[in-house]
């Protein structure tokens, strides 16, 4: 089973870091993270370099359109998973929930 987690990002580097940290707790073999950059103005290259080593992550950029819907649609087009999960970049998965699934 392969799961694609689609994360649109525009701004909020610290929130994105929390989001990606939470995915480290939940991701299992077969999980891909698709980060879709939506014309953000923050430099997050260093942050992404760290997480690309820890997660199976692909990064895409919106060119023509903007907005969370366009970012999610691009993620859906690029996803390779059987199941899709949307997680906004300012959200995170609560670590205490992992106890329910172990």
C-alpha atoms as a PDB file:
ATOM      1  CA  UNK A   1       0.000   0.000   0.000  1.00  0.00           C
ATOM      2  CA  UNK A   2       1.380   3.385  -0.968  1.00  0.00           C
ATOM      3  CA  UNK A   3       0.164   6.629   0.586  1.00  0.00           C
ATOM      4  CA  UNK A   4       0.788  10.080  -0.877  1.00  0.00           C
ATOM      5  CA  UNK A   5       0.768  12.948   1.628  1.00  0.00           C
ATOM      6  CA  UNK A   6       0.188  16.252  -0.178  1.00  0.00           C
ATOM      7  CA  UNK A   7       1.445  19.344   1.665  1.00  0.00           C
ATOM      8  CA  UNK A   8       0.849  22.769   0.080  1.00  0.00           C
ATOM      9  CA  UNK A   9       3.265  25.465   1.315  1.00  0.00           C
ATOM     10  CA  UNK A  10       3.213  29.241   0.890  1.00  0.00           C
ATOM     11  CA  UNK A  11       4.678  30.669   4.109  1.00  0.00           C
ATOM     12  CA  UNK A  12       5.455  29.760   7.697  1.00  0.00           C
ATOM     13  CA  UNK A  13       8.820  27.979   7.732  1.00  0.00           C
ATOM     14  CA  UNK A  14       8.557  27.077  11.437  1.00  0.00           C
ATOM     15  CA  UNK A  15       5.104  25.559  10.948  1.00  0.00           C
ATOM     16  CA  UNK A  16       6.373  23.567   7.984  1.00  0.00           C
ATOM     17  CA  UNK A  17       9.193  22.212  10.132  1.00  0.00           C
ATOM     18  CA  UNK A  18       6.666  21.073  12.766  1.00  0.00           C
ATOM     19  CA  UNK A  19       4.538  19.503  10.034  1.00  0.00           C
ATOM     20  CA  UNK A  20       7.460  17.559   8.557  1.00  0.00           C
ATOM     21  CA  UNK A  21       8.646  16.494  12.020  1.00  0.00           C
ATOM     22  CA  UNK A  22       5.224  15.017  12.707  1.00  0.00           C
ATOM     23  CA  UNK A  23       5.336  13.127   9.412  1.00  0.00           C
ATOM     24  CA  UNK A  24       8.605  11.535  10.503  1.00  0.00           C
ATOM     25  CA  UNK A  25       6.643   9.870  13.320  1.00  0.00           C
ATOM     26  CA  UNK A  26       3.932   8.482  11.028  1.00  0.00           C
ATOM     27  CA  UNK A  27       5.516   7.741   7.695  1.00  0.00           C
ATOM     28  CA  UNK A  28       6.121   4.118   6.882  1.00  0.00           C
ATOM     29  CA  UNK A  29       7.556   2.309   3.887  1.00  0.00           C
ATOM     30  CA  UNK A  30       5.449   3.248   0.901  1.00  0.00           C
ATOM     31  CA  UNK A  31       4.671   6.782   2.084  1.00  0.00           C
ATOM     32  CA  UNK A  32       5.640   9.664  -0.155  1.00  0.00           C
ATOM     33  CA  UNK A  33       5.426  13.319   0.826  1.00  0.00           C
ATOM     34  CA  UNK A  34       4.642  15.760  -1.965  1.00  0.00           C
ATOM     35  CA  UNK A  35       5.494  19.313  -0.972  1.00  0.00           C
ATOM     36  CA  UNK A  36       3.942  21.842  -3.341  1.00  0.00           C
ATOM     37  CA  UNK A  37       5.496  25.315  -3.151  1.00  0.00           C
ATOM     38  CA  UNK A  38       3.050  28.131  -3.843  1.00  0.00           C
ATOM     39  CA  UNK A  39       5.081  31.244  -4.682  1.00  0.00           C
ATOM     40  CA  UNK A  40       6.460  31.601  -1.162  1.00  0.00           C
ATOM     41  CA  UNK A  41       8.975  34.285  -0.290  1.00  0.00           C
ATOM     42  CA  UNK A  42      10.851  32.416   2.470  1.00  0.00           C
ATOM     43  CA  UNK A  43      14.105  30.608   1.776  1.00  0.00           C
ATOM     44  CA  UNK A  44      13.465  27.018   2.849  1.00  0.00           C
ATOM     45  CA  UNK A  45      16.151  25.241   0.794  1.00  0.00           C
ATOM     46  CA  UNK A  46      18.287  24.379   3.831  1.00  0.00           C
ATOM     47  CA  UNK A  47      15.253  23.021   5.684  1.00  0.00           C
ATOM     48  CA  UNK A  48      14.243  20.913   2.703  1.00  0.00           C
ATOM     49  CA  UNK A  49      17.745  19.495   2.366  1.00  0.00           C
ATOM     50  CA  UNK A  50      17.449  18.094   5.895  1.00  0.00           C
ATOM     51  CA  UNK A  51      14.029  16.505   5.365  1.00  0.00           C
ATOM     52  CA  UNK A  52      14.755  15.115   1.908  1.00  0.00           C
ATOM     53  CA  UNK A  53      17.271  12.832   3.634  1.00  0.00           C
ATOM     54  CA  UNK A  54      14.731  11.657   6.222  1.00  0.00           C
ATOM     55  CA  UNK A  55      11.515  11.378   4.201  1.00  0.00           C
ATOM     56  CA  UNK A  56      10.627  10.105   0.764  1.00  0.00           C
ATOM     57  CA  UNK A  57       9.777  13.582  -0.462  1.00  0.00           C
ATOM     58  CA  UNK A  58       9.250  15.151  -3.851  1.00  0.00           C
ATOM     59  CA  UNK A  59       9.031  18.916  -4.260  1.00  0.00           C
ATOM     60  CA  UNK A  60       7.000  20.745  -6.888  1.00  0.00           C
ATOM     61  CA  UNK A  61       6.426  24.425  -7.600  1.00  0.00           C
ATOM     62  CA  UNK A  62       3.314  26.124  -8.885  1.00  0.00           C
ATOM     63  CA  UNK A  63       4.130  28.297 -11.861  1.00  0.00           C
ATOM     64  CA  UNK A  64       0.952  29.580 -13.459  1.00  0.00           C
ATOM     65  CA  UNK A  65      -1.634  29.380 -10.711  1.00  0.00           C
ATOM     66  CA  UNK A  66      -1.667  30.111  -7.008  1.00  0.00           C
ATOM     67  CA  UNK A  67      -3.634  29.085  -3.966  1.00  0.00           C
ATOM     68  CA  UNK A  68      -4.140  26.008  -1.844  1.00  0.00           C
ATOM     69  CA  UNK A  69      -6.586  24.404  -4.307  1.00  0.00           C
ATOM     70  CA  UNK A  70      -4.095  24.700  -7.172  1.00  0.00           C
ATOM     71  CA  UNK A  71      -1.351  23.281  -4.952  1.00  0.00           C
ATOM     72  CA  UNK A  72      -3.496  20.319  -3.935  1.00  0.00           C
ATOM     73  CA  UNK A  73      -4.509  19.677  -7.547  1.00  0.00           C
ATOM     74  CA  UNK A  74      -0.859  19.616  -8.631  1.00  0.00           C
ATOM     75  CA  UNK A  75      -0.123  17.211  -5.783  1.00  0.00           C
ATOM     76  CA  UNK A  76      -2.948  14.923  -6.897  1.00  0.00           C
ATOM     77  CA  UNK A  77      -1.608  14.941 -10.462  1.00  0.00           C
ATOM     78  CA  UNK A  78       1.901  13.997  -9.297  1.00  0.00           C
ATOM     79  CA  UNK A  79       0.907  11.502  -6.579  1.00  0.00           C
ATOM     80  CA  UNK A  80       1.830   7.872  -7.069  1.00  0.00           C
ATOM     81  CA  UNK A  81       0.020   6.478  -4.045  1.00  0.00           C
ATOM     82  CA  UNK A  82      -3.126   4.395  -3.914  1.00  0.00           C
ATOM     83  CA  UNK A  83      -4.373   6.672  -1.139  1.00  0.00           C
ATOM     84  CA  UNK A  84      -4.112  10.454  -0.809  1.00  0.00           C
ATOM     85  CA  UNK A  85      -3.800  12.419   2.420  1.00  0.00           C
ATOM     86  CA  UNK A  86      -3.898  16.207   2.556  1.00  0.00           C
ATOM     87  CA  UNK A  87      -1.965  17.949   5.324  1.00  0.00           C
ATOM     88  CA  UNK A  88      -1.628  21.723   5.403  1.00  0.00           C
ATOM     89  CA  UNK A  89       1.864  23.014   6.131  1.00  0.00           C
ATOM     90  CA  UNK A  90       0.702  24.707   9.341  1.00  0.00           C
ATOM     91  CA  UNK A  91      -0.799  21.469  10.695  1.00  0.00           C
ATOM     92  CA  UNK A  92       0.852  18.491  12.301  1.00  0.00           C
ATOM     93  CA  UNK A  93      -0.061  14.964  13.288  1.00  0.00           C
ATOM     94  CA  UNK A  94      -0.285  14.499  17.062  1.00  0.00           C
ATOM     95  CA  UNK A  95       2.369  12.045  18.243  1.00  0.00           C
ATOM     96  CA  UNK A  96       0.043  10.625  20.894  1.00  0.00           C
ATOM     97  CA  UNK A  97      -2.146   9.225  18.119  1.00  0.00           C
ATOM     98  CA  UNK A  98       0.647   6.912  16.980  1.00  0.00           C
ATOM     99  CA  UNK A  99       0.039   4.824  20.129  1.00  0.00           C
ATOM    100  CA  UNK A 100      -3.386   3.938  18.742  1.00  0.00           C
ATOM    101  CA  UNK A 101      -1.859   2.364  15.643  1.00  0.00           C
ATOM    102  CA  UNK A 102       1.092   0.504  17.133  1.00  0.00           C
END
